[in-house]
Amino acid sequence: MEYELRAEYAGQAPPESSEARVALWHMTGVGETLTLCRRRLDPAAWTQPSSAWGTDAADPFCPDCGVKYLRMNVG
């Protein structure tokens, strides 16, 4: 399975809003909205390739997704 990072937003601003601010980055399957930590995210949320995991671009990252991703031995 291939993975990507998907944004969870702070407040109520939708992803297309100029006021959208990322609260946490989560790990999902490519094109999926259910995160490894079992949250359902907006299908229009910003995404990044899984290679961004562990870099400043993915900060802050969901600790629960990080643990599960490491346990899957793909990170």
PDB file of N, CA and C in Angstrom:
ATOM      1  N   MET A   1       0.838  -1.182   0.000  1.00  0.00           N
ATOM      2  CA  MET A   1       0.000   0.000   0.000  1.00  0.00           C
ATOM      3  C   MET A   1       0.880   1.241   0.000  1.00  0.00           C
ATOM      4  N   GLU A   2       0.465   2.240  -0.734  1.00  0.00           N
ATOM      5  CA  GLU A   2       1.180   3.517  -0.745  1.00  0.00           C
ATOM      6  C   GLU A   2       0.486   4.481   0.203  1.00  0.00           C
ATOM      7  N   TYR A   3       1.279   5.376   0.790  1.00  0.00           N
ATOM      8  CA  TYR A   3       0.780   6.301   1.804  1.00  0.00           C
ATOM      9  C   TYR A   3       1.039   7.744   1.414  1.00  0.00           C
ATOM     10  N   GLU A   4       0.251   8.633   2.041  1.00  0.00           N
ATOM     11  CA  GLU A   4       0.453  10.072   1.904  1.00  0.00           C
ATOM     12  C   GLU A   4       0.066  10.740   3.212  1.00  0.00           C
ATOM     13  N   LEU A   5       0.495  11.968   3.371  1.00  0.00           N
ATOM     14  CA  LEU A   5       0.108  12.776   4.524  1.00  0.00           C
ATOM     15  C   LEU A   5      -1.113  13.587   4.134  1.00  0.00           C
ATOM     16  N   ARG A   6      -2.064  13.702   5.066  1.00  0.00           N
ATOM     17  CA  ARG A   6      -3.276  14.492   4.838  1.00  0.00           C
ATOM     18  C   ARG A   6      -3.472  15.411   6.034  1.00  0.00           C
ATOM     19  N   ALA A   7      -3.872  16.633   5.747  1.00  0.00           N
ATOM     20  CA  ALA A   7      -3.995  17.668   6.781  1.00  0.00           C
ATOM     21  C   ALA A   7      -5.314  17.589   7.537  1.00  0.00           C
ATOM     22  N   GLU A   8      -5.203  17.832   8.843  1.00  0.00           N
ATOM     23  CA  GLU A   8      -6.358  18.104   9.700  1.00  0.00           C
ATOM     24  C   GLU A   8      -6.256  19.582  10.036  1.00  0.00           C
ATOM     25  N   TYR A   9      -7.346  20.298   9.939  1.00  0.00           N
ATOM     26  CA  TYR A   9      -7.323  21.750  10.096  1.00  0.00           C
ATOM     27  C   TYR A   9      -7.776  22.216  11.466  1.00  0.00           C
ATOM     28  N   ALA A  10      -7.211  23.333  11.894  1.00  0.00           N
ATOM     29  CA  ALA A  10      -7.615  23.981  13.140  1.00  0.00           C
ATOM     30  C   ALA A  10      -8.869  24.804  12.855  1.00  0.00           C
ATOM     31  N   GLY A  11      -9.775  24.835  13.793  1.00  0.00           N
ATOM     32  CA  GLY A  11     -10.978  25.644  13.630  1.00  0.00           C
ATOM     33  C   GLY A  11     -11.912  25.067  12.584  1.00  0.00           C
ATOM     34  N   GLN A  12     -12.710  25.917  12.004  1.00  0.00           N
ATOM     35  CA  GLN A  12     -13.732  25.485  11.054  1.00  0.00           C
ATOM     36  C   GLN A  12     -13.441  25.881   9.615  1.00  0.00           C
ATOM     37  N   ALA A  13     -12.266  26.434   9.337  1.00  0.00           N
ATOM     38  CA  ALA A  13     -11.952  26.881   7.981  1.00  0.00           C
ATOM     39  C   ALA A  13     -11.807  25.675   7.051  1.00  0.00           C
ATOM     40  N   PRO A  14     -12.503  25.693   5.908  1.00  0.00           N
ATOM     41  CA  PRO A  14     -12.355  24.591   4.951  1.00  0.00           C
ATOM     42  C   PRO A  14     -10.998  24.675   4.245  1.00  0.00           C
ATOM     43  N   PRO A  15     -10.523  23.564   3.671  1.00  0.00           N
ATOM     44  CA  PRO A  15      -9.204  23.537   3.038  1.00  0.00           C
ATOM     45  C   PRO A  15      -9.001  24.608   1.971  1.00  0.00           C
ATOM     46  N   GLU A  16     -10.047  24.960   1.248  1.00  0.00           N
ATOM     47  CA  GLU A  16      -9.908  25.943   0.169  1.00  0.00           C
ATOM     48  C   GLU A  16      -9.908  27.390   0.661  1.00  0.00           C
ATOM     49  N   SER A  17     -10.126  27.595   1.952  1.00  0.00           N
ATOM     50  CA  SER A  17     -10.152  28.937   2.531  1.00  0.00           C
ATOM     51  C   SER A  17      -8.739  29.492   2.704  1.00  0.00           C
ATOM     52  N   SER A  18      -8.601  30.787   2.541  1.00  0.00           N
ATOM     53  CA  SER A  18      -7.309  31.430   2.784  1.00  0.00           C
ATOM     54  C   SER A  18      -6.966  31.428   4.272  1.00  0.00           C
ATOM     55  N   GLU A  19      -7.949  31.124   5.116  1.00  0.00           N
ATOM     56  CA  GLU A  19      -7.741  31.076   6.563  1.00  0.00           C
ATOM     57  C   GLU A  19      -7.437  29.665   7.072  1.00  0.00           C
ATOM     58  N   ALA A  20      -7.385  28.689   6.169  1.00  0.00           N
ATOM     59  CA  ALA A  20      -7.113  27.306   6.580  1.00  0.00           C
ATOM     60  C   ALA A  20      -5.713  27.223   7.190  1.00  0.00           C
ATOM     61  N   ARG A  21      -5.639  26.550   8.335  1.00  0.00           N
ATOM     62  CA  ARG A  21      -4.370  26.368   9.045  1.00  0.00           C
ATOM     63  C   ARG A  21      -4.292  24.919   9.512  1.00  0.00           C
ATOM     64  N   VAL A  22      -3.189  24.260   9.181  1.00  0.00           N
ATOM     65  CA  VAL A  22      -3.025  22.853   9.539  1.00  0.00           C
ATOM     66  C   VAL A  22      -2.797  22.720  11.044  1.00  0.00           C
ATOM     67  N   ALA A  23      -3.620  21.892  11.685  1.00  0.00           N
ATOM     68  CA  ALA A  23      -3.443  21.588  13.104  1.00  0.00           C
ATOM     69  C   ALA A  23      -2.503  20.397  13.254  1.00  0.00           C
ATOM     70  N   LEU A  24      -2.688  19.377  12.424  1.00  0.00           N
ATOM     71  CA  LEU A  24      -1.858  18.165  12.454  1.00  0.00           C
ATOM     72  C   LEU A  24      -1.819  17.547  11.062  1.00  0.00           C
ATOM     73  N   TRP A  25      -0.718  16.912  10.762  1.00  0.00           N
ATOM     74  CA  TRP A  25      -0.617  16.070   9.575  1.00  0.00           C
ATOM     75  C   TRP A  25      -0.822  14.633  10.024  1.00  0.00           C
ATOM     76  N   HIS A  26      -1.555  13.875   9.227  1.00  0.00           N
ATOM     77  CA  HIS A  26      -1.843  12.466   9.509  1.00  0.00           C
ATOM     78  C   HIS A  26      -1.372  11.619   8.337  1.00  0.00           C
ATOM     79  N   MET A  27      -1.232  10.325   8.581  1.00  0.00           N
ATOM     80  CA  MET A  27      -0.878   9.384   7.522  1.00  0.00           C
ATOM     81  C   MET A  27      -2.136   8.649   7.082  1.00  0.00           C
ATOM     82  N   THR A  28      -2.319   8.574   5.752  1.00  0.00           N
ATOM     83  CA  THR A  28      -3.435   7.841   5.160  1.00  0.00           C
ATOM     84  C   THR A  28      -2.920   7.035   3.980  1.00  0.00           C
ATOM     85  N   GLY A  29      -3.746   6.116   3.517  1.00  0.00           N
ATOM     86  CA  GLY A  29      -3.472   5.492   2.233  1.00  0.00           C
ATOM     87  C   GLY A  29      -3.671   6.552   1.154  1.00  0.00           C
ATOM     88  N   VAL A  30      -2.983   6.430   0.038  1.00  0.00           N
ATOM     89  CA  VAL A  30      -3.122   7.413  -1.043  1.00  0.00           C
ATOM     90  C   VAL A  30      -4.584   7.503  -1.475  1.00  0.00           C
ATOM     91  N   GLY A  31      -5.106   8.734  -1.476  1.00  0.00           N
ATOM     92  CA  GLY A  31      -6.477   8.987  -1.887  1.00  0.00           C
ATOM     93  C   GLY A  31      -7.530   8.654  -0.850  1.00  0.00           C
ATOM     94  N   GLU A  32      -7.121   8.208   0.323  1.00  0.00           N
ATOM     95  CA  GLU A  32      -8.081   7.844   1.366  1.00  0.00           C
ATOM     96  C   GLU A  32      -8.226   8.960   2.399  1.00  0.00           C
ATOM     97  N   THR A  33      -9.323   8.942   3.124  1.00  0.00           N
ATOM     98  CA  THR A  33      -9.571   9.981   4.132  1.00  0.00           C
ATOM     99  C   THR A  33      -9.529   9.441   5.555  1.00  0.00           C
ATOM    100  N   LEU A  34      -9.475   8.127   5.731  1.00  0.00           N
ATOM    101  CA  LEU A  34      -9.379   7.535   7.066  1.00  0.00           C
ATOM    102  C   LEU A  34      -7.902   7.397   7.426  1.00  0.00           C
ATOM    103  N   THR A  35      -7.507   8.044   8.516  1.00  0.00           N
ATOM    104  CA  THR A  35      -6.108   8.061   8.922  1.00  0.00           C
ATOM    105  C   THR A  35      -5.729   6.780   9.661  1.00  0.00           C
ATOM    106  N   LEU A  36      -4.442   6.579   9.855  1.00  0.00           N
ATOM    107  CA  LEU A  36      -3.986   5.419  10.622  1.00  0.00           C
ATOM    108  C   LEU A  36      -4.484   5.468  12.062  1.00  0.00           C
ATOM    109  N   CYS A  37      -4.729   6.677  12.588  1.00  0.00           N
ATOM    110  CA  CYS A  37      -5.257   6.809  13.945  1.00  0.00           C
ATOM    111  C   CYS A  37      -6.790   6.803  13.966  1.00  0.00           C
ATOM    112  N   ARG A  38      -7.391   6.481  12.823  1.00  0.00           N
ATOM    113  CA  ARG A  38      -8.837   6.273  12.679  1.00  0.00           C
ATOM    114  C   ARG A  38      -9.684   7.544  12.663  1.00  0.00           C
ATOM    115  N   ARG A  39      -9.091   8.670  12.316  1.00  0.00           N
ATOM    116  CA  ARG A  39      -9.879   9.892  12.131  1.00  0.00           C
ATOM    117  C   ARG A  39     -10.272   9.985  10.658  1.00  0.00           C
ATOM    118  N   ARG A  40     -11.435  10.550  10.406  1.00  0.00           N
ATOM    119  CA  ARG A  40     -11.907  10.764   9.045  1.00  0.00           C
ATOM    120  C   ARG A  40     -11.646  12.225   8.704  1.00  0.00           C
ATOM    121  N   LEU A  41     -10.875  12.483   7.639  1.00  0.00           N
ATOM    122  CA  LEU A  41     -10.514  13.842   7.256  1.00  0.00           C
ATOM    123  C   LEU A  41     -11.237  14.271   5.983  1.00  0.00           C
ATOM    124  N   ASP A  42     -11.238  15.558   5.751  1.00  0.00           N
ATOM    125  CA  ASP A  42     -11.882  16.150   4.583  1.00  0.00           C
ATOM    126  C   ASP A  42     -11.226  15.620   3.306  1.00  0.00           C
ATOM    127  N   PRO A  43     -12.009  15.137   2.353  1.00  0.00           N
ATOM    128  CA  PRO A  43     -11.431  14.654   1.095  1.00  0.00           C
ATOM    129  C   PRO A  43     -10.686  15.742   0.324  1.00  0.00           C
ATOM    130  N   ALA A  44     -11.023  17.009   0.589  1.00  0.00           N
ATOM    131  CA  ALA A  44     -10.351  18.122  -0.091  1.00  0.00           C
ATOM    132  C   ALA A  44      -9.116  18.619   0.660  1.00  0.00           C
ATOM    133  N   ALA A  45      -8.775  17.956   1.767  1.00  0.00           N
ATOM    134  CA  ALA A  45      -7.632  18.384   2.587  1.00  0.00           C
ATOM    135  C   ALA A  45      -6.337  18.326   1.789  1.00  0.00           C
ATOM    136  N   TRP A  46      -5.425  19.224   2.144  1.00  0.00           N
ATOM    137  CA  TRP A  46      -4.111  19.223   1.509  1.00  0.00           C
ATOM    138  C   TRP A  46      -3.415  17.903   1.778  1.00  0.00           C
ATOM    139  N   THR A  47      -2.616  17.476   0.817  1.00  0.00           N
ATOM    140  CA  THR A  47      -1.844  16.244   0.978  1.00  0.00           C
ATOM    141  C   THR A  47      -0.377  16.501   0.636  1.00  0.00           C
ATOM    142  N   GLN A  48       0.467  15.616   1.114  1.00  0.00           N
ATOM    143  CA  GLN A  48       1.896  15.621   0.799  1.00  0.00           C
ATOM    144  C   GLN A  48       2.313  14.164   0.602  1.00  0.00           C
ATOM    145  N   PRO A  49       3.377  13.922  -0.128  1.00  0.00           N
ATOM    146  CA  PRO A  49       3.854  12.544  -0.256  1.00  0.00           C
ATOM    147  C   PRO A  49       4.371  12.026   1.084  1.00  0.00           C
ATOM    148  N   SER A  50       4.354  10.730   1.263  1.00  0.00           N
ATOM    149  CA  SER A  50       4.810  10.136   2.523  1.00  0.00           C
ATOM    150  C   SER A  50       6.274  10.454   2.800  1.00  0.00           C
ATOM    151  N   SER A  51       7.035  10.799   1.780  1.00  0.00           N
ATOM    152  CA  SER A  51       8.450  11.150   1.980  1.00  0.00           C
ATOM    153  C   SER A  51       8.621  12.429   2.803  1.00  0.00           C
ATOM    154  N   ALA A  52       7.556  13.206   2.966  1.00  0.00           N
ATOM    155  CA  ALA A  52       7.622  14.419   3.793  1.00  0.00           C
ATOM    156  C   ALA A  52       7.592  14.087   5.281  1.00  0.00           C
ATOM    157  N   TRP A  53       7.194  12.852   5.619  1.00  0.00           N
ATOM    158  CA  TRP A  53       7.135  12.432   7.018  1.00  0.00           C
ATOM    159  C   TRP A  53       8.527  12.548   7.640  1.00  0.00           C
ATOM    160  N   GLY A  54       8.591  13.133   8.830  1.00  0.00           N
ATOM    161  CA  GLY A  54       9.861  13.314   9.522  1.00  0.00           C
ATOM    162  C   GLY A  54      10.606  14.572   9.130  1.00  0.00           C
ATOM    163  N   THR A  55      10.017  15.398   8.274  1.00  0.00           N
ATOM    164  CA  THR A  55      10.640  16.658   7.869  1.00  0.00           C
ATOM    165  C   THR A  55       9.848  17.820   8.449  1.00  0.00           C
ATOM    166  N   ASP A  56      10.410  19.016   8.333  1.00  0.00           N
ATOM    167  CA  ASP A  56       9.709  20.213   8.811  1.00  0.00           C
ATOM    168  C   ASP A  56       8.382  20.425   8.078  1.00  0.00           C
ATOM    169  N   ALA A  57       8.282  19.956   6.848  1.00  0.00           N
ATOM    170  CA  ALA A  57       7.054  20.129   6.070  1.00  0.00           C
ATOM    171  C   ALA A  57       5.868  19.395   6.695  1.00  0.00           C
ATOM    172  N   ALA A  58       6.136  18.379   7.505  1.00  0.00           N
ATOM    173  CA  ALA A  58       5.074  17.581   8.116  1.00  0.00           C
ATOM    174  C   ALA A  58       4.909  17.880   9.603  1.00  0.00           C
ATOM    175  N   ASP A  59       5.366  19.019  10.037  1.00  0.00           N
ATOM    176  CA  ASP A  59       5.289  19.393  11.438  1.00  0.00           C
ATOM    177  C   ASP A  59       4.114  20.333  11.651  1.00  0.00           C
ATOM    178  N   PRO A  60       3.247  20.064  12.595  1.00  0.00           N
ATOM    179  CA  PRO A  60       3.229  18.970  13.559  1.00  0.00           C
ATOM    180  C   PRO A  60       2.575  17.719  12.965  1.00  0.00           C
ATOM    181  N   PHE A  61       3.086  16.566  13.363  1.00  0.00           N
ATOM    182  CA  PHE A  61       2.591  15.291  12.863  1.00  0.00           C
ATOM    183  C   PHE A  61       1.888  14.536  13.993  1.00  0.00           C
ATOM    184  N   CYS A  62       0.824  13.842  13.655  1.00  0.00           N
ATOM    185  CA  CYS A  62       0.054  13.069  14.631  1.00  0.00           C
ATOM    186  C   CYS A  62       0.930  11.966  15.225  1.00  0.00           C
ATOM    187  N   PRO A  63       1.142  11.973  16.541  1.00  0.00           N
ATOM    188  CA  PRO A  63       1.988  10.943  17.142  1.00  0.00           C
ATOM    189  C   PRO A  63       1.409   9.537  16.998  1.00  0.00           C
ATOM    190  N   ASP A  64       0.083   9.399  17.052  1.00  0.00           N
ATOM    191  CA  ASP A  64      -0.531   8.078  16.907  1.00  0.00           C
ATOM    192  C   ASP A  64      -0.308   7.513  15.509  1.00  0.00           C
ATOM    193  N   CYS A  65      -0.458   8.352  14.485  1.00  0.00           N
ATOM    194  CA  CYS A  65      -0.183   7.905  13.115  1.00  0.00           C
ATOM    195  C   CYS A  65       1.289   7.530  12.966  1.00  0.00           C
ATOM    196  N   GLY A  66       2.173   8.302  13.575  1.00  0.00           N
ATOM    197  CA  GLY A  66       3.604   8.029  13.493  1.00  0.00           C
ATOM    198  C   GLY A  66       3.969   6.674  14.065  1.00  0.00           C
ATOM    199  N   VAL A  67       3.400   6.342  15.229  1.00  0.00           N
ATOM    200  CA  VAL A  67       3.676   5.058  15.868  1.00  0.00           C
ATOM    201  C   VAL A  67       3.165   3.917  14.987  1.00  0.00           C
ATOM    202  N   LYS A  68       1.960   4.046  14.485  1.00  0.00           N
ATOM    203  CA  LYS A  68       1.389   2.983  13.645  1.00  0.00           C
ATOM    204  C   LYS A  68       2.170   2.840  12.336  1.00  0.00           C
ATOM    205  N   TYR A  69       2.588   3.944  11.765  1.00  0.00           N
ATOM    206  CA  TYR A  69       3.357   3.904  10.522  1.00  0.00           C
ATOM    207  C   TYR A  69       4.694   3.187  10.764  1.00  0.00           C
ATOM    208  N   LEU A  70       5.353   3.497  11.853  1.00  0.00           N
ATOM    209  CA  LEU A  70       6.620   2.821  12.186  1.00  0.00           C
ATOM    210  C   LEU A  70       6.412   1.331  12.426  1.00  0.00           C
ATOM    211  N   ARG A  71       5.354   0.987  13.110  1.00  0.00           N
ATOM    212  CA  ARG A  71       5.073  -0.432  13.395  1.00  0.00           C
ATOM    213  C   ARG A  71       4.794  -1.222  12.119  1.00  0.00           C
ATOM    214  N   MET A  72       4.318  -0.533  11.092  1.00  0.00           N
ATOM    215  CA  MET A  72       4.064  -1.198   9.813  1.00  0.00           C
ATOM    216  C   MET A  72       5.366  -1.430   9.053  1.00  0.00           C
ATOM    217  N   ASN A  73       6.467  -0.867   9.568  1.00  0.00           N
ATOM    218  CA  ASN A  73       7.779  -1.035   8.979  1.00  0.00           C
ATOM    219  C   ASN A  73       7.875  -0.509   7.550  1.00  0.00           C
ATOM    220  N   VAL A  74       7.187   0.619   7.305  1.00  0.00           N
ATOM    221  CA  VAL A  74       7.254   1.226   5.984  1.00  0.00           C
ATOM    222  C   VAL A  74       7.905   2.604   6.038  1.00  0.00           C
ATOM    223  N   GLY A  75       8.088   3.156   7.229  1.00  0.00           N
ATOM    224  CA  GLY A  75       8.624   4.499   7.373  1.00  0.00           C
ATOM    225  C   GLY A  75      10.114   4.550   7.355  1.00  0.00           C
TER     226      GLY A  75
END
